[in-house]
Amino acid sequence: MVGNSNGQTTRSRGRAYRQSLQDKTRKQLAQLARRQGIPGWHPMRKAELIDALADAAGRTNGSRHKAVGTKSPGPAHAGVNGVGGQRDDVLIAKPVSSRWLSARWNVSPEMLTRAESALGSDWHRAKMVLRLSRITDDNERPTSESRVRDTVVKLETGECCVEIDQPGLPYRLHLGFSIPGGEFFALSHSDSVSTPRGPRPEESRRPNTSTLPAGNSLRSTSSLEQEADGLPLVIHTDLVVYGRTAPETLIELEKDSVRVGRDGRFELRLPLENGRQFVPATATAGDRTSQRRVALAIERHLKLLDPEPTEEQA
């Protein structure tokens, strides 16, 4: 039973590795084959390079499982589990507003070890990125993807937000390592995802009413009132965003904005609603020569419990 389970896991990871190879160009595959010492790689076509690299990876995995009398060392890398209950190597992208996608991922230690082996001496120069690609689906032509941008991420966080440029169009996210020169080693990719074509009022900060307890209601954007008999109680919550940047910078947080003063400090206060919210923010230099974007992920759970008698009443 144990051997069969290991075999299934190895085949699953082998398919994931083969899929990552198919996403590469013939030139990138040739570079990998040269680094790994694949004999006769130079005249091979793309399909032949994929087969040769996949077979080499399979032989490496097989020799590791068949080793007898020695204790195999543990994985050199710690995996990442950002999506609970999902398989080892997966990337899930979901729309959170008309211009933002939420990405969460799992990466197995074996996949990271394979990436380090494939990148060779470039491993220490590689950056973990989320690559955003726009999908073009033309009835007269095959479906194609065009790269939009790379967003550098921290692998261990397991999640990130990515801004898109054209709401309503289909996109795909790729998680992988990028090195100078344009080479990209893909770990996983998401399904096609698109956002609503037009922005909706308060769409990125709409409260999740399913998290509110029965008998309570959201009286305003940030208050919760207990109407049961007994001591009246109203709870208000606000989100305060503050920081420091260059003077005259324009800070925009949803529909609110503030111009930074001479001391470089700024502060914005917004109502904080129940549930999980994604709040996009933008900082634009005073001379409009540069701009930075930020996606804030905030979660609030507020529940007023039923009134209870005190010891004196009892």
Protein backbone atom coordinates (compact mmCIF):
# COMPACT_ATOMS: atom_id res chain seq x y z
CA MET A 1 0.00 0.00 0.00
CA VAL A 2 2.82 2.40 0.82
CA GLY A 3 4.67 1.69 -2.40
CA ASN A 4 1.52 2.22 -4.49
CA SER A 5 0.82 5.55 -2.78
CA ASN A 6 4.36 6.74 -3.44
CA GLY A 7 4.02 5.69 -7.06
CA GLN A 8 0.83 7.68 -7.51
CA THR A 9 2.42 10.75 -5.91
CA THR A 10 5.47 10.45 -8.17
CA ARG A 11 3.31 10.16 -11.30
CA SER A 12 1.24 13.17 -10.23
CA ARG A 13 4.34 15.30 -9.74
CA GLY A 14 5.75 14.00 -13.00
CA ARG A 15 2.66 15.27 -14.83
CA ALA A 16 2.97 18.65 -13.13
CA TYR A 17 6.64 18.87 -14.16
CA ARG A 18 5.80 17.94 -17.75
CA GLN A 19 3.11 20.63 -17.81
CA SER A 20 5.64 23.22 -16.60
CA LEU A 21 7.97 22.16 -19.42
CA GLN A 22 5.24 22.59 -22.02
CA ASP A 23 4.84 26.22 -20.97
CA LYS A 24 8.46 26.94 -21.95
CA THR A 25 9.91 27.85 -25.34
CA ARG A 26 12.22 25.54 -27.24
CA LYS A 27 15.17 27.80 -26.39
CA GLN A 28 14.43 27.61 -22.66
CA LEU A 29 14.09 23.82 -22.83
CA ALA A 30 17.43 23.58 -24.63
CA GLN A 31 19.10 25.60 -21.87
CA LEU A 32 17.67 23.25 -19.23
CA ALA A 33 18.82 20.20 -21.18
CA ARG A 34 22.34 21.62 -21.52
CA ARG A 35 22.56 22.30 -17.77
CA GLN A 36 21.32 18.82 -16.88
CA GLY A 37 23.69 17.12 -19.31
CA ILE A 38 21.01 15.56 -21.54
CA PRO A 39 22.92 13.78 -24.33
CA GLY A 40 22.10 14.85 -27.89
CA TRP A 41 19.95 17.81 -26.81
CA HIS A 42 21.12 20.27 -29.45
CA PRO A 43 19.17 19.00 -32.52
CA MET A 44 16.07 17.99 -30.54
CA ARG A 45 12.69 19.56 -31.23
CA LYS A 46 10.53 20.97 -28.43
CA ALA A 47 8.51 17.75 -27.94
CA GLU A 48 11.71 15.68 -27.85
CA LEU A 49 13.27 18.01 -25.29
CA ILE A 50 10.17 17.74 -23.08
CA ASP A 51 10.32 13.93 -23.23
CA ALA A 52 14.04 13.85 -22.48
CA LEU A 53 13.79 16.23 -19.51
CA ALA A 54 10.74 14.44 -18.09
CA ASP A 55 12.44 11.04 -18.44
CA ALA A 56 15.57 12.35 -16.71
CA ALA A 57 13.47 13.65 -13.81
CA GLY A 58 11.66 10.31 -13.58
CA ARG A 59 14.93 8.38 -13.42
CA THR A 60 16.16 10.67 -10.65
CA ASN A 61 12.98 10.11 -8.63
CA GLY A 62 13.12 6.35 -9.24
CA SER A 63 16.70 5.99 -8.08
CA ARG A 64 15.88 7.89 -4.91
CA HIS A 65 12.95 5.56 -4.04
CA LYS A 66 14.98 2.40 -4.79
CA ALA A 67 17.92 3.28 -2.56
CA VAL A 68 18.46 0.54 0.05
CA GLY A 69 20.37 0.67 3.32
CA THR A 70 20.64 4.47 3.39
CA LYS A 71 18.33 7.00 4.91
CA SER A 72 17.18 9.46 2.27
CA PRO A 73 17.57 13.06 3.40
CA GLY A 74 14.47 15.20 3.82
CA PRO A 75 13.53 17.86 1.28
CA ALA A 76 15.94 20.80 1.14
CA HIS A 77 13.05 23.27 0.97
CA ALA A 78 9.94 23.80 3.05
CA GLY A 79 6.71 23.68 1.10
CA VAL A 80 3.98 26.31 1.16
CA ASN A 81 0.33 25.56 1.93
CA GLY A 82 -1.75 28.66 1.18
CA VAL A 83 -4.83 26.71 0.04
CA GLY A 84 -6.12 24.31 2.66
CA GLY A 85 -7.54 21.00 1.50
CA GLN A 86 -5.97 21.22 -1.97
CA ARG A 87 -3.31 19.13 -3.69
CA ASP A 88 0.40 19.88 -3.43
CA ASP A 89 1.09 22.18 -6.40
CA VAL A 90 -1.85 24.42 -7.23
CA LEU A 91 -2.56 28.10 -7.95
CA ILE A 92 -6.09 29.46 -7.48
CA ALA A 93 -7.09 32.90 -8.79
CA LYS A 94 -10.41 34.61 -8.00
CA PRO A 95 -11.79 38.08 -8.81
CA VAL A 96 -12.26 40.36 -5.80
CA SER A 97 -13.26 43.53 -7.70
CA SER A 98 -13.35 44.80 -11.27
CA ARG A 99 -9.59 45.46 -11.27
CA TRP A 100 -8.11 43.02 -8.75
CA LEU A 101 -7.46 39.28 -8.60
CA SER A 102 -6.73 37.30 -5.46
CA ALA A 103 -4.15 34.51 -5.80
CA ARG A 104 -3.44 31.67 -3.36
CA TRP A 105 -1.01 28.80 -3.88
CA ASN A 106 0.45 25.54 -2.63
CA VAL A 107 4.00 24.50 -3.55
CA SER A 108 5.50 21.15 -2.55
CA PRO A 109 9.12 20.77 -1.33
CA GLU A 110 9.78 18.40 -4.23
CA MET A 111 8.73 21.03 -6.78
CA LEU A 112 11.11 23.57 -5.23
CA THR A 113 13.94 21.04 -5.31
CA ARG A 114 13.19 20.36 -8.97
CA ALA A 115 13.20 24.08 -9.73
CA GLU A 116 16.58 24.52 -8.01
CA SER A 117 18.02 21.67 -10.05
CA ALA A 118 16.63 23.04 -13.32
CA LEU A 119 17.84 26.60 -12.72
CA GLY A 120 21.32 25.50 -11.68
CA SER A 121 23.65 28.42 -11.02
CA ASP A 122 20.79 30.85 -11.69
CA TRP A 123 18.88 29.62 -8.63
CA HIS A 124 20.28 32.32 -6.35
CA ARG A 125 19.44 35.05 -8.87
CA ALA A 126 15.88 33.88 -9.43
CA LYS A 127 12.90 35.85 -8.13
CA MET A 128 9.54 34.35 -7.25
CA VAL A 129 6.87 36.09 -9.33
CA LEU A 130 3.22 35.91 -10.28
CA ARG A 131 3.06 36.32 -14.06
CA LEU A 132 -0.18 37.85 -15.35
CA SER A 133 -1.14 36.78 -18.88
CA ARG A 134 -4.05 38.00 -20.98
CA ILE A 135 -5.88 35.27 -22.90
CA THR A 136 -6.86 35.95 -26.51
CA ASP A 137 -9.63 33.72 -27.82
CA ASP A 138 -10.23 34.30 -31.52
CA ASN A 139 -12.49 31.98 -33.49
CA GLU A 140 -10.18 32.26 -36.49
CA ARG A 141 -6.96 31.64 -34.54
CA PRO A 142 -5.80 29.30 -31.77
CA THR A 143 -6.15 30.55 -28.21
CA SER A 144 -3.01 32.41 -27.13
CA GLU A 145 -1.66 34.16 -24.05
CA SER A 146 0.30 37.41 -23.91
CA ARG A 147 2.37 38.43 -20.92
CA VAL A 148 1.14 41.57 -19.14
CA ARG A 149 3.48 41.92 -16.15
CA ASP A 150 5.36 40.10 -13.40
CA THR A 151 4.66 40.80 -9.74
CA VAL A 152 7.41 39.83 -7.29
CA VAL A 153 5.94 37.88 -4.36
CA LYS A 154 7.15 36.16 -1.21
CA LEU A 155 6.65 32.44 -1.67
CA GLU A 156 6.04 31.71 2.02
CA THR A 157 3.02 34.04 2.27
CA GLY A 158 0.90 31.73 0.11
CA GLU A 159 -1.28 34.57 -1.23
CA CYS A 160 -1.17 37.91 -3.04
CA CYS A 161 -3.35 40.39 -4.95
CA VAL A 162 -2.69 41.32 -8.59
CA GLU A 163 -4.13 44.29 -10.47
CA ILE A 164 -5.38 43.83 -14.03
CA ASP A 165 -5.56 46.50 -16.73
CA GLN A 166 -8.74 45.61 -18.64
CA PRO A 167 -11.76 44.41 -16.62
CA GLY A 168 -13.98 41.84 -18.29
CA LEU A 169 -11.21 40.11 -20.28
CA PRO A 170 -9.93 36.61 -19.42
CA TYR A 171 -6.57 36.31 -17.65
CA ARG A 172 -4.37 33.56 -16.26
CA LEU A 173 -1.79 33.66 -13.48
CA HIS A 174 1.47 31.70 -13.50
CA LEU A 175 3.55 31.17 -10.36
CA GLY A 176 7.23 30.59 -10.95
CA PHE A 177 10.84 31.75 -10.85
CA SER A 178 12.08 34.51 -13.14
CA ILE A 179 15.77 35.14 -13.79
CA PRO A 180 17.56 37.94 -15.67
CA GLY A 181 17.49 37.24 -19.38
CA GLY A 182 13.81 36.35 -19.53
CA GLU A 183 13.85 32.67 -18.53
CA PHE A 184 10.83 31.58 -16.48
CA PHE A 185 10.41 28.30 -14.60
CA ALA A 186 6.70 27.73 -13.95
CA LEU A 187 5.61 25.97 -10.77
CA SER A 188 1.85 26.10 -11.45
CA HIS A 189 -0.80 28.11 -13.25
CA SER A 190 -4.39 29.07 -12.53
CA ASP A 191 -7.53 28.47 -14.54
CA SER A 192 -8.80 31.27 -16.75
CA VAL A 193 -10.41 34.03 -14.68
CA SER A 194 -12.13 37.32 -15.52
CA THR A 195 -13.50 40.19 -13.45
CA PRO A 196 -16.77 42.16 -13.82
CA ARG A 197 -16.53 44.51 -16.79
CA GLY A 198 -17.62 47.67 -14.94
CA PRO A 199 -16.90 48.86 -11.41
CA ARG A 200 -19.77 48.63 -8.98
CA PRO A 201 -20.28 51.10 -6.14
CA GLU A 202 -18.44 50.00 -3.04
CA GLU A 203 -17.69 46.67 -4.70
CA SER A 204 -14.35 46.05 -3.04
CA ARG A 205 -15.62 46.85 0.45
CA ARG A 206 -19.14 45.40 0.42
CA PRO A 207 -19.83 43.65 3.74
CA ASN A 208 -20.15 39.90 3.79
CA THR A 209 -23.56 39.63 5.45
CA SER A 210 -23.25 35.87 5.77
CA THR A 211 -20.82 36.44 8.65
CA LEU A 212 -23.36 38.43 10.68
CA PRO A 213 -25.13 36.53 13.46
CA ALA A 214 -28.88 36.06 13.39
CA GLY A 215 -30.77 38.83 15.15
CA ASN A 216 -28.08 41.45 14.45
CA SER A 217 -27.99 43.90 11.57
CA LEU A 218 -25.52 46.27 10.02
CA ARG A 219 -27.00 49.65 10.95
CA SER A 220 -24.39 51.62 9.05
CA THR A 221 -21.21 50.80 7.22
CA SER A 222 -19.31 50.30 10.46
CA SER A 223 -21.68 49.86 13.42
CA LEU A 224 -23.49 46.93 14.98
CA GLU A 225 -26.37 47.49 17.42
CA GLN A 226 -27.88 45.14 19.97
CA GLU A 227 -31.66 45.70 20.11
CA ALA A 228 -32.55 43.00 22.61
CA ASP A 229 -33.97 43.92 26.01
CA GLY A 230 -31.35 45.01 28.47
CA LEU A 231 -28.28 47.20 28.22
CA PRO A 232 -28.17 48.96 24.81
CA LEU A 233 -24.83 48.64 23.04
CA VAL A 234 -23.60 50.01 19.70
CA ILE A 235 -20.14 49.08 18.40
CA HIS A 236 -18.33 51.24 15.83
CA THR A 237 -15.15 50.20 14.03
CA ASP A 238 -12.95 52.25 11.73
CA LEU A 239 -9.95 51.42 9.58
CA VAL A 240 -7.10 53.91 10.07
CA VAL A 241 -4.40 53.88 7.39
CA TYR A 242 -1.39 56.06 8.11
CA GLY A 243 2.22 56.27 7.07
CA ARG A 244 4.99 58.41 5.64
CA THR A 245 6.12 59.22 2.11
CA ALA A 246 7.48 62.13 0.06
CA PRO A 247 5.80 65.54 0.54
CA GLU A 248 3.04 66.47 -1.92
CA THR A 249 2.31 62.80 -2.71
CA LEU A 250 -1.36 62.07 -3.43
CA ILE A 251 -2.68 59.08 -1.45
CA GLU A 252 -5.91 57.56 -2.81
CA LEU A 253 -7.77 54.90 -0.85
CA GLU A 254 -10.91 53.89 -2.73
CA LYS A 255 -12.97 57.11 -3.04
CA ASP A 256 -11.01 59.01 -0.37
CA SER A 257 -7.77 60.87 -0.99
CA VAL A 258 -5.34 63.10 0.86
CA ARG A 259 -2.38 65.23 -0.21
CA VAL A 260 0.69 64.61 1.96
CA GLY A 261 2.02 67.66 3.81
CA ARG A 262 5.56 68.91 4.23
CA ASP A 263 6.38 66.45 7.00
CA GLY A 264 5.57 63.51 4.71
CA ARG A 265 2.93 62.04 7.04
CA PHE A 266 -0.57 61.02 6.04
CA GLU A 267 -3.64 59.44 7.64
CA LEU A 268 -6.98 58.23 6.26
CA ARG A 269 -9.92 56.86 8.24
CA LEU A 270 -12.56 54.60 6.68
CA PRO A 271 -15.46 52.58 8.11
CA LEU A 272 -14.50 48.95 8.72
CA GLU A 273 -17.22 46.48 7.76
CA ASN A 274 -17.82 42.89 8.72
CA GLY A 275 -16.16 40.20 6.64
CA ARG A 276 -13.11 40.09 4.39
CA GLN A 277 -12.35 43.15 2.26
CA PHE A 278 -9.77 44.11 -0.36
CA VAL A 279 -9.03 47.82 -0.39
CA PRO A 280 -6.86 49.11 -3.28
CA ALA A 281 -4.65 52.13 -2.60
CA THR A 282 -2.52 54.31 -4.87
CA ALA A 283 0.33 56.73 -4.10
CA THR A 284 1.16 59.23 -6.87
CA ALA A 285 4.19 61.52 -6.66
CA GLY A 286 3.50 65.25 -6.59
CA ASP A 287 5.17 65.73 -9.98
CA ARG A 288 3.25 62.67 -11.32
CA THR A 289 6.47 61.01 -12.50
CA SER A 290 6.02 57.84 -10.43
CA GLN A 291 3.24 55.82 -8.84
CA ARG A 292 2.94 52.86 -6.45
CA ARG A 293 -0.06 50.63 -5.83
CA VAL A 294 -1.01 48.69 -2.72
CA ALA A 295 -3.72 46.11 -2.05
CA LEU A 296 -4.86 45.93 1.57
CA ALA A 297 -6.54 42.72 2.74
CA ILE A 298 -8.53 43.22 5.96
CA GLU A 299 -10.85 40.88 7.81
CA ARG A 300 -13.26 41.83 10.63
CA HIS A 301 -15.57 39.56 12.63
CA LEU A 302 -17.82 41.34 15.11
CA LYS A 303 -20.56 39.53 16.99
CA LEU A 304 -22.65 40.95 19.84
CA LEU A 305 -23.66 38.23 22.27
CA ASP A 306 -27.03 38.03 24.00
CA PRO A 307 -27.45 40.02 27.24
CA GLU A 308 -26.64 38.10 30.41
CA PRO A 309 -27.89 38.74 33.97
CA THR A 310 -25.38 39.91 36.52
CA GLU A 311 -24.83 38.22 39.88
CA GLU A 312 -27.00 40.84 41.58
CA GLN A 313 -29.93 40.08 39.24
CA ALA A 314 -29.50 36.37 39.77
